[in-house]
Protein backbone atom coordinates (compact mmCIF):
# COMPACT_ATOMS: atom_id res chain seq x y z
CA UNK A 1 50.16 -8.69 -46.30
CA UNK A 2 47.41 -6.81 -46.48
CA UNK A 3 47.31 -3.54 -44.28
CA UNK A 4 44.00 -4.93 -42.55
CA UNK A 5 44.08 -8.54 -41.35
CA UNK A 6 41.30 -11.03 -40.76
CA UNK A 7 40.62 -12.08 -37.12
CA UNK A 8 39.41 -14.14 -34.88
CA UNK A 9 38.80 -15.92 -31.34
CA UNK A 10 39.23 -19.41 -30.41
CA UNK A 11 37.20 -19.95 -26.74
CA UNK A 12 34.46 -18.18 -25.49
CA UNK A 13 35.04 -17.87 -21.97
CA UNK A 14 35.32 -14.98 -19.66
CA UNK A 15 38.88 -13.27 -21.05
CA UNK A 16 37.36 -13.54 -24.73
CA UNK A 17 34.97 -10.47 -24.18
CA UNK A 18 38.07 -8.30 -23.69
CA UNK A 19 39.74 -9.52 -27.12
CA UNK A 20 36.76 -9.31 -28.65
CA UNK A 21 36.21 -5.50 -27.83
CA UNK A 22 39.87 -5.22 -29.13
CA UNK A 23 39.41 -6.34 -32.49
CA UNK A 24 36.71 -4.48 -32.69
CA UNK A 25 38.19 -1.76 -32.43
CA UNK A 26 41.57 -2.05 -33.67
CA UNK A 27 41.39 -0.55 -37.29
CA UNK A 28 43.53 -3.39 -38.72
CA UNK A 29 41.31 -5.36 -37.51
CA UNK A 30 38.62 -6.88 -39.32
CA UNK A 31 37.07 -9.35 -36.19
CA UNK A 32 35.32 -12.23 -38.78
CA UNK A 33 34.60 -14.94 -36.78
CA UNK A 34 34.84 -16.43 -32.96
CA UNK A 35 34.76 -20.62 -32.40
CA UNK A 36 33.77 -22.96 -29.07
CA UNK A 37 33.25 -26.51 -28.96
CA UNK A 38 29.81 -25.69 -27.17
CA UNK A 39 27.97 -24.51 -30.23
CA UNK A 40 25.73 -22.52 -27.85
CA UNK A 41 28.08 -20.03 -26.80
CA UNK A 42 29.94 -19.91 -30.03
CA UNK A 43 26.49 -18.74 -31.37
CA UNK A 44 26.13 -16.54 -28.37
CA UNK A 45 29.49 -14.44 -29.15
CA UNK A 46 28.88 -14.57 -32.53
CA UNK A 47 25.48 -12.51 -32.25
CA UNK A 48 27.06 -10.23 -29.63
CA UNK A 49 29.63 -9.09 -31.81
CA UNK A 50 28.66 -9.28 -34.99
CA UNK A 51 30.82 -11.90 -36.15
CA UNK A 52 30.56 -15.62 -37.68
CA UNK A 53 29.99 -18.96 -35.31
CA UNK A 54 32.01 -22.25 -35.86
CA UNK A 55 32.62 -25.52 -33.28
CA UNK A 56 35.88 -26.19 -35.46
CA UNK A 57 39.05 -24.37 -35.95
CA UNK A 58 40.37 -25.32 -38.81
CA UNK A 59 36.90 -24.95 -40.91
CA UNK A 60 36.69 -21.51 -39.01
CA UNK A 61 40.32 -20.20 -40.46
CA UNK A 62 40.09 -21.60 -43.80
CA UNK A 63 36.79 -20.71 -44.81
CA UNK A 64 37.04 -17.08 -43.74
CA UNK A 65 40.49 -16.71 -44.62
CA UNK A 66 41.58 -15.63 -41.11
CA UNK A 67 45.30 -13.96 -41.29
CA UNK A 68 45.08 -14.47 -37.16
CA UNK A 69 43.28 -15.78 -33.96
CA UNK A 70 43.63 -15.46 -30.44
CA UNK A 71 43.30 -18.33 -28.29
CA UNK A 72 41.09 -17.79 -24.87
CA UNK A 73 40.69 -21.42 -24.13
CA UNK A 74 41.78 -22.69 -20.91
CA UNK A 75 45.51 -23.37 -20.87
CA UNK A 76 46.11 -27.22 -21.08
CA UNK A 77 43.96 -26.56 -24.35
CA UNK A 78 46.22 -24.06 -26.19
CA UNK A 79 48.43 -26.25 -27.80
CA UNK A 80 45.55 -28.59 -29.69
CA UNK A 81 43.77 -24.90 -31.00
CA UNK A 82 47.13 -23.28 -31.39
CA UNK A 83 48.59 -25.80 -33.96
CA UNK A 84 45.23 -26.43 -35.64
CA UNK A 85 45.29 -22.95 -36.34
CA UNK A 86 48.67 -22.61 -37.55
CA UNK A 87 48.60 -25.97 -39.90
CA UNK A 88 45.25 -24.04 -41.33
CA UNK A 89 47.32 -21.08 -42.08
CA UNK A 90 46.58 -18.52 -39.36
CA UNK A 91 48.81 -16.55 -36.89
CA UNK A 92 48.66 -17.26 -33.41
CA UNK A 93 48.32 -15.18 -30.07
CA UNK A 94 47.58 -16.94 -26.55
CA UNK A 95 46.29 -15.58 -23.78
CA UNK A 96 48.33 -16.14 -20.93
CA UNK A 97 50.44 -18.43 -20.08
CA UNK A 98 51.44 -19.85 -23.45
CA UNK A 99 50.72 -23.70 -21.97
CA UNK A 100 50.59 -25.19 -18.94
CA UNK A 101 53.76 -28.00 -20.15
CA UNK A 102 56.55 -27.39 -21.48
CA UNK A 103 55.67 -29.84 -24.27
CA UNK A 104 52.82 -28.26 -25.40
CA UNK A 105 55.15 -25.16 -25.84
CA UNK A 106 57.63 -26.71 -27.52
CA UNK A 107 54.74 -28.58 -29.62
CA UNK A 108 53.27 -25.01 -30.94
CA UNK A 109 56.69 -23.33 -31.15
CA UNK A 110 57.92 -26.20 -33.29
CA UNK A 111 54.59 -26.07 -35.65
CA UNK A 112 54.92 -22.18 -35.81
CA UNK A 113 58.10 -22.37 -37.53
CA UNK A 114 57.18 -25.53 -39.44
CA UNK A 115 54.36 -23.39 -40.96
CA UNK A 116 56.42 -20.14 -41.19
CA UNK A 117 54.01 -18.83 -38.71
CA UNK A 118 54.12 -16.18 -35.97
CA UNK A 119 53.18 -17.14 -32.67
CA UNK A 120 53.01 -14.67 -29.92
CA UNK A 121 51.86 -14.35 -25.51
CA UNK A 122 49.86 -11.86 -23.82
CA UNK A 123 51.70 -10.14 -21.46
CA UNK A 124 49.95 -6.93 -21.52
CA UNK A 125 51.53 -5.14 -18.44
CA UNK A 126 54.35 -4.92 -20.41
CA UNK A 127 52.11 -2.27 -22.03
CA UNK A 128 51.90 -0.27 -18.94
CA UNK A 129 53.77 3.40 -18.71
CA UNK A 130 54.78 2.57 -15.37
CA UNK A 131 56.48 -0.39 -16.71
CA UNK A 132 58.04 0.73 -19.66
CA UNK A 133 59.97 3.37 -17.88
CA UNK A 134 61.19 1.05 -15.56
CA UNK A 135 62.31 -1.00 -18.48
CA UNK A 136 64.04 2.26 -20.33
CA UNK A 137 65.80 3.40 -16.97
CA UNK A 138 67.39 -0.03 -16.68
CA UNK A 139 68.23 -0.63 -20.25
CA UNK A 140 70.03 2.94 -20.25
CA UNK A 141 72.44 2.09 -17.34
CA UNK A 142 70.47 4.18 -15.26
CA UNK A 143 70.83 1.47 -12.11
CA UNK A 144 73.71 -0.26 -13.48
CA UNK A 145 73.55 -3.96 -13.91
CA UNK A 146 70.57 -5.43 -12.35
CA UNK A 147 71.66 -6.96 -9.22
CA UNK A 148 68.52 -8.37 -7.36
CA UNK A 149 65.12 -8.51 -8.59
CA UNK A 150 61.69 -9.44 -6.82
CA UNK A 151 58.37 -10.35 -6.95
CA UNK A 152 55.80 -9.92 -4.60
CA UNK A 153 52.15 -10.97 -5.27
CA UNK A 154 49.22 -11.28 -2.85
CA UNK A 155 45.95 -11.52 -3.74
CA UNK A 156 43.01 -13.64 -3.07
CA UNK A 157 40.67 -16.22 -5.26
CA UNK A 158 37.77 -17.40 -3.27
CA UNK A 159 35.47 -20.66 -3.69
CA UNK A 160 33.10 -18.75 -5.99
CA UNK A 161 35.88 -18.14 -8.23
CA UNK A 162 36.79 -21.54 -8.46
CA UNK A 163 33.72 -22.95 -9.21
CA UNK A 164 32.78 -20.59 -11.80
CA UNK A 165 34.24 -22.72 -14.12
CA UNK A 166 34.58 -26.52 -13.89
CA UNK A 167 38.43 -26.48 -15.12
CA UNK A 168 39.53 -24.05 -12.33
CA UNK A 169 41.20 -25.53 -9.53
CA UNK A 170 42.30 -28.26 -10.86
CA UNK A 171 45.57 -30.02 -12.66
CA UNK A 172 44.03 -31.65 -15.61
CA UNK A 173 41.64 -28.44 -16.60
CA UNK A 174 44.07 -25.58 -15.31
CA UNK A 175 47.41 -27.28 -15.23
CA UNK A 176 48.40 -25.35 -11.79
CA UNK A 177 47.18 -22.59 -9.65
CA UNK A 178 48.41 -19.29 -8.54
CA UNK A 179 51.95 -19.79 -10.52
CA UNK A 180 50.31 -21.05 -13.78
CA UNK A 181 47.42 -18.48 -13.56
CA UNK A 182 48.19 -15.82 -11.71
CA UNK A 183 51.49 -15.26 -11.14
CA UNK A 184 52.63 -15.29 -15.19
CA UNK A 185 52.15 -11.60 -15.72
CA UNK A 186 55.12 -10.39 -12.58
CA UNK A 187 57.51 -13.90 -14.10
CA UNK A 188 57.43 -12.39 -17.41
CA UNK A 189 58.32 -8.92 -16.06
CA UNK A 190 60.38 -9.88 -13.56
CA UNK A 191 62.71 -11.86 -16.72
CA UNK A 192 62.15 -8.87 -18.78
CA UNK A 193 63.65 -6.59 -16.54
CA UNK A 194 66.95 -8.36 -15.39
CA UNK A 195 67.60 -9.03 -19.38
CA UNK A 196 69.42 -12.73 -18.47
CA UNK A 197 68.94 -15.74 -19.10
CA UNK A 198 67.96 -17.67 -15.33
CA UNK A 199 70.73 -20.01 -14.27
CA UNK A 200 68.76 -21.95 -11.36
CA UNK A 201 65.65 -21.93 -9.56
CA UNK A 202 64.88 -23.32 -6.10
CA UNK A 203 61.15 -23.10 -5.54
CA UNK A 204 58.62 -24.54 -2.93
CA UNK A 205 54.70 -24.48 -3.34
CA UNK A 206 52.05 -25.28 -0.89
CA UNK A 207 48.00 -24.80 -0.88
CA UNK A 208 47.65 -22.48 2.35
CA UNK A 209 43.81 -22.24 2.88
CA UNK A 210 42.11 -23.61 -0.35
CA UNK A 211 40.94 -27.14 0.76
CA UNK A 212 38.58 -27.47 -2.05
CA UNK A 213 41.11 -27.38 -5.18
CA UNK A 214 43.80 -29.39 -5.83
CA UNK A 215 46.40 -26.61 -7.37
CA UNK A 216 49.02 -24.72 -5.07
CA UNK A 217 47.70 -21.27 -3.94
CA UNK A 218 51.23 -20.28 -2.90
CA UNK A 219 54.78 -20.34 -3.77
CA UNK A 220 58.13 -18.97 -3.30
CA UNK A 221 61.28 -18.94 -5.57
CA UNK A 222 64.89 -17.88 -5.65
CA UNK A 223 66.61 -17.65 -8.96
CA UNK A 224 70.14 -17.49 -10.31
CA UNK A 225 70.58 -15.30 -13.50
CA UNK A 226 73.38 -15.74 -15.78
CA UNK A 227 74.82 -12.49 -15.79
CA UNK A 228 75.26 -12.45 -12.00
CA UNK A 229 71.97 -11.61 -10.43
CA UNK A 230 69.54 -12.88 -7.97
CA UNK A 231 65.92 -13.02 -7.44
CA UNK A 232 63.02 -13.91 -5.29
CA UNK A 233 59.73 -14.78 -6.13
CA UNK A 234 56.61 -14.75 -3.68
CA UNK A 235 53.13 -15.28 -4.51
CA UNK A 236 49.89 -15.98 -3.09
CA UNK A 237 46.10 -16.20 -3.77
CA UNK A 238 45.58 -16.48 -0.11
CA UNK A 239 45.40 -12.96 1.24
CA UNK A 240 42.43 -11.47 1.65
CA UNK A 241 41.03 -9.34 0.09
CA UNK A 242 44.04 -9.19 -2.06
CA UNK A 243 46.89 -6.54 -1.15
CA UNK A 244 49.35 -5.75 -4.12
CA UNK A 245 51.54 -6.81 -6.77
CA UNK A 246 55.06 -5.26 -6.87
CA UNK A 247 58.11 -6.01 -9.32
CA UNK A 248 61.49 -4.10 -7.74
CA UNK A 249 64.83 -4.02 -9.32
CA UNK A 250 68.35 -2.86 -7.46
CA UNK A 251 70.89 -2.44 -9.46
CA UNK A 252 74.76 -2.88 -8.66
CA UNK A 253 74.96 0.63 -8.40
CA UNK A 254 72.38 1.34 -5.62
CA UNK A 255 69.85 2.29 -7.51
CA UNK A 256 66.67 0.96 -7.38
CA UNK A 257 63.39 1.11 -9.47
CA UNK A 258 59.69 -0.78 -9.18
CA UNK A 259 56.25 -1.06 -10.01
CA UNK A 260 53.23 -1.80 -8.45
CA UNK A 261 51.10 -3.67 -11.14
CA UNK A 262 48.26 -4.14 -9.20
CA UNK A 263 46.80 -3.04 -6.02
CA UNK A 264 43.94 -4.01 -4.12
CA UNK A 265 41.90 -7.02 -4.94
CA UNK A 266 43.11 -8.49 -7.70
CA UNK A 267 41.66 -8.04 -11.28
CA UNK A 268 39.68 -11.19 -12.77
CA UNK A 269 38.52 -11.33 -16.43
CA UNK A 270 35.25 -11.07 -16.21
CA UNK A 271 34.02 -10.93 -12.75
CA UNK A 272 35.59 -7.88 -11.33
CA UNK A 273 37.57 -4.46 -12.78
CA UNK A 274 40.52 -3.23 -12.10
CA UNK A 275 40.99 -1.56 -8.53
CA UNK A 276 43.87 0.42 -8.82
CA UNK A 277 46.20 2.18 -11.54
CA UNK A 278 49.82 0.86 -11.61
CA UNK A 279 52.47 3.29 -10.72
CA UNK A 280 55.98 3.26 -9.98
CA UNK A 281 56.42 2.90 -6.23
CA UNK A 282 60.00 2.75 -6.11
CA UNK A 283 62.51 5.26 -8.20
CA UNK A 284 66.18 6.28 -6.22
CA UNK A 285 67.85 6.92 -9.49
CA UNK A 286 70.31 9.92 -8.02
CA UNK A 287 68.33 13.24 -10.09
CA UNK A 288 64.83 11.82 -10.22
CA UNK A 289 63.84 10.77 -7.03
CA UNK A 290 61.44 13.77 -7.15
CA UNK A 291 59.82 12.84 -10.55
CA UNK A 292 58.01 9.50 -8.68
CA UNK A 293 55.18 12.26 -7.34
CA UNK A 294 54.32 13.33 -11.04
CA UNK A 295 54.60 9.85 -12.44
CA UNK A 296 52.25 8.53 -10.16
CA UNK A 297 49.44 11.60 -10.95
CA UNK A 298 50.35 11.52 -14.85
CA UNK A 299 50.25 7.32 -14.92
CA UNK A 300 47.21 7.64 -12.61
CA UNK A 301 44.98 10.03 -14.73
CA UNK A 302 45.45 8.32 -18.15
CA UNK A 303 44.78 4.84 -16.97
CA UNK A 304 41.49 6.37 -15.07
CA UNK A 305 40.71 7.86 -18.73
CA UNK A 306 40.56 4.37 -20.33
CA UNK A 307 38.82 1.18 -20.38
CA UNK A 308 41.96 -0.59 -18.49
CA UNK A 309 40.37 -3.79 -18.89
CA UNK A 310 40.45 -3.25 -22.72
CA UNK A 311 43.19 -0.80 -23.31
CA UNK A 312 46.25 -2.74 -23.05
CA UNK A 313 45.17 -5.90 -24.31
CA UNK A 314 44.10 -3.19 -27.38
CA UNK A 315 47.57 -2.18 -27.59
CA UNK A 316 49.46 -5.48 -27.62
CA UNK A 317 47.11 -7.14 -30.21
CA UNK A 318 47.98 -3.83 -32.63
CA UNK A 319 51.30 -4.83 -31.50
CA UNK A 320 50.56 -8.11 -33.01
CA UNK A 321 48.99 -7.22 -35.86
CA UNK A 322 51.67 -4.09 -36.96
CA UNK A 323 54.37 -7.04 -36.77
CA UNK A 324 52.52 -9.28 -39.12
CA UNK A 325 51.85 -6.57 -41.54
CA UNK A 326 56.00 -5.15 -41.28
CA UNK A 327 56.87 -8.87 -40.99
CA UNK A 328 59.01 -8.44 -37.73
CA UNK A 329 58.77 -9.79 -34.00
CA UNK A 330 56.24 -8.89 -32.01
CA UNK A 331 57.20 -7.41 -28.43
CA UNK A 332 56.44 -10.15 -26.61
CA UNK A 333 57.37 -13.54 -28.98
CA UNK A 334 56.54 -17.39 -28.20
CA UNK A 335 59.84 -17.89 -27.16
CA UNK A 336 59.51 -15.65 -24.34
CA UNK A 337 56.27 -16.99 -23.75
CA UNK A 338 58.32 -20.15 -23.23
CA UNK A 339 60.35 -18.62 -20.42
CA UNK A 340 57.44 -18.47 -18.16
CA UNK A 341 56.59 -21.78 -18.32
CA UNK A 342 60.06 -23.04 -17.93
CA UNK A 343 60.37 -20.45 -14.19
CA UNK A 344 56.88 -21.95 -13.27
CA UNK A 345 57.64 -25.41 -14.58
CA UNK A 346 61.28 -25.50 -12.52
CA UNK A 347 59.22 -24.52 -9.14
CA UNK A 348 57.22 -27.67 -9.76
CA UNK A 349 60.15 -29.55 -10.06
CA UNK A 350 62.34 -28.31 -7.38
CA UNK A 351 59.99 -29.13 -4.99
CA UNK A 352 59.35 -32.73 -6.11
CA UNK A 353 63.33 -33.09 -6.44
CA UNK A 354 64.27 -31.53 -2.86
CA UNK A 355 66.83 -29.48 -5.29
CA UNK A 356 67.98 -26.33 -7.41
CA UNK A 357 66.75 -26.76 -10.96
CA UNK A 358 69.46 -25.87 -13.24
CA UNK A 359 68.13 -24.23 -17.08
CA UNK A 360 67.49 -24.46 -19.55
CA UNK A 361 64.28 -26.87 -18.86
CA UNK A 362 63.48 -29.69 -21.12
CA UNK A 363 60.27 -31.58 -21.44
CA UNK A 364 59.72 -34.08 -19.34
CA UNK A 365 58.24 -36.91 -21.79
CA UNK A 366 59.45 -40.23 -19.61
CA UNK A 367 57.64 -39.10 -16.01
CA UNK A 368 53.96 -39.39 -15.68
CA UNK A 369 53.96 -37.02 -12.64
CA UNK A 370 53.24 -33.68 -14.69
CA UNK A 371 56.12 -32.16 -13.90
CA UNK A 372 56.28 -33.02 -10.26
CA UNK A 373 52.63 -31.33 -9.90
CA UNK A 374 51.18 -34.80 -9.32
């Protein structure tokens, strides 16, 4: 493969602007084209970034000879776009989540295998310095074996947010609420940090204070991991104006490490900026407790020196491009993206069935309740 790849974007909504800026910046990317079913949007984006406009994925990939595309469509549309792009000859990077259903995940992963192409998922918070530091500490055994992992994400989404796009807040258009749209980053970090396959999940969800949407705004879960660890998830879009997102890991030797990935009002692509830098907010490893203050300053200074809405996406897109050139797996594979979909699917099914859900999960082709959402 060439050392510079021809790249494109499918879907010209709000988050696409972040990816377009990254593709224009990365030296190994030759940003070439955009595609949207809405011809007007496609042409507007194409004019803005000096690329070619399309309304058909296959035509864009084949005519331009694209090596990779980034999919920025609403979640339920990921499957069709990804499969079409893969079969046309492009590798695919998808904005989180991988899909809103396991059936869609499996169809995309199967097509990637059949075509010999790579498929990966955006989870740019893995590239935050405090997240990398935390993962290295766990992998080096500094907390012993991960024994307890927790996710706390308290944010807010108002009515204007849900009215900003017609698909938001609907089962059919978004696939879910806080679990599907806002929490995937933290869910991904939890399973990455714990370093073990999940054994089972018991979960519940509800809509606390958003009567104008169909989907959940709050969810809780208890997890059992195959390595003996346990976990707890509490995520919600019902706290004004938003408090924080945290992932903490406690080891069996008594030491704990954690990261606050988000602080204050949560970032909304194309609508708001990131208010607070991500920092390690918990660190009790013997001999390293006093390093926390310096790390917070170091990470905050760096975070404030870049455009965080674009920089960390750029790092992950660059990793995907390098993986294609080098013939290796990207840092966050499509299979790992499926794990996040398994987690929120298990919570939906657990509420429906009133019991813990065993892993691994398979698609339910014989039911019409969309994994218990409706």
